[in-house]
C-alpha atoms as a PDB file:
ATOM      1  CA  UNK A   1    -155.417  95.208   5.647  1.00  0.00           C
ATOM      2  CA  UNK A   2    -158.939  96.628   5.853  1.00  0.00           C
ATOM      3  CA  UNK A   3    -157.930  99.163   8.506  1.00  0.00           C
ATOM      4  CA  UNK A   4    -154.919 100.315   6.509  1.00  0.00           C
ATOM      5  CA  UNK A   5    -157.011 100.942   3.379  1.00  0.00           C
ATOM      6  CA  UNK A   6    -159.658 102.743   5.464  1.00  0.00           C
ATOM      7  CA  UNK A   7    -157.099 104.902   7.239  1.00  0.00           C
ATOM      8  CA  UNK A   8    -155.216 105.721   4.025  1.00  0.00           C
ATOM      9  CA  UNK A   9    -158.440 106.569   2.188  1.00  0.00           C
ATOM     10  CA  UNK A  10    -159.686 108.679   5.099  1.00  0.00           C
ATOM     11  CA  UNK A  11    -156.436 110.614   5.213  1.00  0.00           C
ATOM     12  CA  UNK A  12    -156.559 111.258   1.483  1.00  0.00           C
ATOM     13  CA  UNK A  13    -160.248 112.371   1.597  1.00  0.00           C
ATOM     14  CA  UNK A  14    -159.598 114.558   4.639  1.00  0.00           C
ATOM     15  CA  UNK A  15    -156.744 116.348   2.907  1.00  0.00           C
ATOM     16  CA  UNK A  16    -158.811 116.708  -0.320  1.00  0.00           C
ATOM     17  CA  UNK A  17    -161.790 118.031   1.642  1.00  0.00           C
ATOM     18  CA  UNK A  18    -159.633 120.583   3.497  1.00  0.00           C
ATOM     19  CA  UNK A  19    -158.223 121.802   0.233  1.00  0.00           C
ATOM     20  CA  UNK A  20    -161.631 121.869  -1.422  1.00  0.00           C
ATOM     21  CA  UNK A  21    -162.943 124.136   1.306  1.00  0.00           C
ATOM     22  CA  UNK A  22    -160.321 126.728   0.274  1.00  0.00           C
ATOM     23  CA  UNK A  23    -160.427 126.332  -3.493  1.00  0.00           C
ATOM     24  CA  UNK A  24    -162.268 124.696  -6.390  1.00  0.00           C
ATOM     25  CA  UNK A  25    -161.374 122.169  -9.086  1.00  0.00           C
ATOM     26  CA  UNK A  26    -163.098 124.234 -11.769  1.00  0.00           C
ATOM     27  CA  UNK A  27    -161.678 127.801 -11.961  1.00  0.00           C
ATOM     28  CA  UNK A  28    -163.495 130.502 -13.915  1.00  0.00           C
ATOM     29  CA  UNK A  29    -162.539 130.944 -16.743  1.00  0.00           C
ATOM     30  CA  UNK A  30    -161.490 127.349 -17.324  1.00  0.00           C
ATOM     31  CA  UNK A  31    -158.235 127.497 -19.241  1.00  0.00           C
ATOM     32  CA  UNK A  32    -155.177 125.297 -19.065  1.00  0.00           C
ATOM     33  CA  UNK A  33    -153.152 127.758 -17.022  1.00  0.00           C
ATOM     34  CA  UNK A  34    -155.928 128.469 -14.558  1.00  0.00           C
ATOM     35  CA  UNK A  35    -156.453 124.725 -14.079  1.00  0.00           C
ATOM     36  CA  UNK A  36    -152.685 124.309 -13.775  1.00  0.00           C
ATOM     37  CA  UNK A  37    -152.491 126.718 -10.860  1.00  0.00           C
ATOM     38  CA  UNK A  38    -155.348 124.891  -9.113  1.00  0.00           C
ATOM     39  CA  UNK A  39    -153.708 121.538  -9.722  1.00  0.00           C
ATOM     40  CA  UNK A  40    -150.364 122.789  -8.468  1.00  0.00           C
ATOM     41  CA  UNK A  41    -151.989 123.836  -5.189  1.00  0.00           C
ATOM     42  CA  UNK A  42    -153.906 120.550  -4.867  1.00  0.00           C
ATOM     43  CA  UNK A  43    -150.911 118.338  -5.468  1.00  0.00           C
ATOM     44  CA  UNK A  44    -148.860 120.420  -3.037  1.00  0.00           C
ATOM     45  CA  UNK A  45    -151.418 119.995  -0.269  1.00  0.00           C
ATOM     46  CA  UNK A  46    -151.726 116.252  -0.842  1.00  0.00           C
ATOM     47  CA  UNK A  47    -147.981 115.809  -1.182  1.00  0.00           C
ATOM     48  CA  UNK A  48    -147.062 117.658   2.019  1.00  0.00           C
ATOM     49  CA  UNK A  49    -149.967 116.134   3.956  1.00  0.00           C
ATOM     50  CA  UNK A  50    -149.043 112.549   3.012  1.00  0.00           C
ATOM     51  CA  UNK A  51    -145.384 113.162   3.761  1.00  0.00           C
ATOM     52  CA  UNK A  52    -146.330 114.624   7.144  1.00  0.00           C
ATOM     53  CA  UNK A  53    -148.415 111.513   7.869  1.00  0.00           C
ATOM     54  CA  UNK A  54    -145.499 109.331   6.875  1.00  0.00           C
ATOM     55  CA  UNK A  55    -143.182 111.274   9.199  1.00  0.00           C
ATOM     56  CA  UNK A  56    -145.643 110.906  12.024  1.00  0.00           C
ATOM     57  CA  UNK A  57    -145.881 107.145  11.441  1.00  0.00           C
ATOM     58  CA  UNK A  58    -142.084 106.864  11.348  1.00  0.00           C
ATOM     59  CA  UNK A  59    -141.976 107.830  15.015  1.00  0.00           C
ATOM     60  CA  UNK A  60    -143.872 104.609  15.816  1.00  0.00           C
ATOM     61  CA  UNK A  61    -146.540 106.067  18.137  1.00  0.00           C
ATOM     62  CA  UNK A  62    -147.917 103.425  20.452  1.00  0.00           C
ATOM     63  CA  UNK A  63    -151.451 104.731  20.183  1.00  0.00           C
ATOM     64  CA  UNK A  64    -151.502 103.853  16.439  1.00  0.00           C
ATOM     65  CA  UNK A  65    -150.412 100.224  16.778  1.00  0.00           C
ATOM     66  CA  UNK A  66    -153.671  98.886  18.210  1.00  0.00           C
ATOM     67  CA  UNK A  67    -156.107 100.496  15.690  1.00  0.00           C
ATOM     68  CA  UNK A  68    -153.916  99.319  12.803  1.00  0.00           C
ATOM     69  CA  UNK A  69    -153.432  95.814  14.222  1.00  0.00           C
ATOM     70  CA  UNK A  70    -149.680  95.949  14.792  1.00  0.00           C
ATOM     71  CA  UNK A  71    -146.423  97.572  13.955  1.00  0.00           C
ATOM     72  CA  UNK A  72    -146.090  95.818  10.602  1.00  0.00           C
ATOM     73  CA  UNK A  73    -149.378  97.246   9.375  1.00  0.00           C
ATOM     74  CA  UNK A  74    -148.326 100.666  10.588  1.00  0.00           C
ATOM     75  CA  UNK A  75    -145.108 100.336   8.573  1.00  0.00           C
ATOM     76  CA  UNK A  76    -147.154  99.428   5.482  1.00  0.00           C
ATOM     77  CA  UNK A  77    -149.317 102.555   5.957  1.00  0.00           C
ATOM     78  CA  UNK A  78    -146.079 104.527   6.377  1.00  0.00           C
ATOM     79  CA  UNK A  79    -144.738 103.120   3.110  1.00  0.00           C
ATOM     80  CA  UNK A  80    -147.853 103.877   1.072  1.00  0.00           C
ATOM     81  CA  UNK A  81    -148.227 107.348   2.552  1.00  0.00           C
ATOM     82  CA  UNK A  82    -144.616 108.107   1.623  1.00  0.00           C
ATOM     83  CA  UNK A  83    -145.066 106.739  -1.918  1.00  0.00           C
ATOM     84  CA  UNK A  84    -148.242 108.739  -2.434  1.00  0.00           C
ATOM     85  CA  UNK A  85    -146.584 111.873  -1.055  1.00  0.00           C
ATOM     86  CA  UNK A  86    -143.639 111.417  -3.427  1.00  0.00           C
ATOM     87  CA  UNK A  87    -145.909 110.929  -6.461  1.00  0.00           C
ATOM     88  CA  UNK A  88    -147.927 113.993  -5.661  1.00  0.00           C
ATOM     89  CA  UNK A  89    -144.795 116.030  -4.914  1.00  0.00           C
ATOM     90  CA  UNK A  90    -143.265 115.103  -8.298  1.00  0.00           C
ATOM     91  CA  UNK A  91    -146.568 115.973  -9.974  1.00  0.00           C
ATOM     92  CA  UNK A  92    -146.567 119.289  -8.121  1.00  0.00           C
ATOM     93  CA  UNK A  93    -143.045 120.069  -9.298  1.00  0.00           C
ATOM     94  CA  UNK A  94    -143.722 118.998 -12.857  1.00  0.00           C
ATOM     95  CA  UNK A  95    -146.878 121.083 -13.264  1.00  0.00           C
ATOM     96  CA  UNK A  96    -145.156 124.097 -11.655  1.00  0.00           C
ATOM     97  CA  UNK A  97    -141.928 123.957 -13.620  1.00  0.00           C
ATOM     98  CA  UNK A  98    -142.312 121.489 -16.500  1.00  0.00           C
ATOM     99  CA  UNK A  99    -145.110 123.354 -18.265  1.00  0.00           C
ATOM    100  CA  UNK A 100    -143.068 126.541 -18.369  1.00  0.00           C
ATOM    101  CA  UNK A 101    -140.071 124.619 -19.676  1.00  0.00           C
ATOM    102  CA  UNK A 102    -142.158 122.982 -22.433  1.00  0.00           C
ATOM    103  CA  UNK A 103    -143.576 126.332 -23.586  1.00  0.00           C
ATOM    104  CA  UNK A 104    -140.589 128.613 -23.239  1.00  0.00           C
ATOM    105  CA  UNK A 105    -137.512 126.374 -23.252  1.00  0.00           C
ATOM    106  CA  UNK A 106    -135.125 125.514 -20.462  1.00  0.00           C
ATOM    107  CA  UNK A 107    -133.300 128.863 -20.375  1.00  0.00           C
END
């Protein structure tokens, strides 16, 4: 379980660091809509990155079984990567569309 947590955390931090090299968490001026655009980009990067990792793990690569101590652990990492990707993708969609719907109505 230790290797799964380490791998999952490393993947999350790697994606966050790659995004942080291109953008910042604190836009200037700091308003809701400027932060919203930053958060939409961040959740999109994390969502697509985690889903890509889950797709890679679904192919059951042999070189990943040994570092993760077996196929069952690799499936667990696949599951949590997919769940995290889904949560961030829904957050991405909500901040992109939901805020506009709340302010201006559905039409």
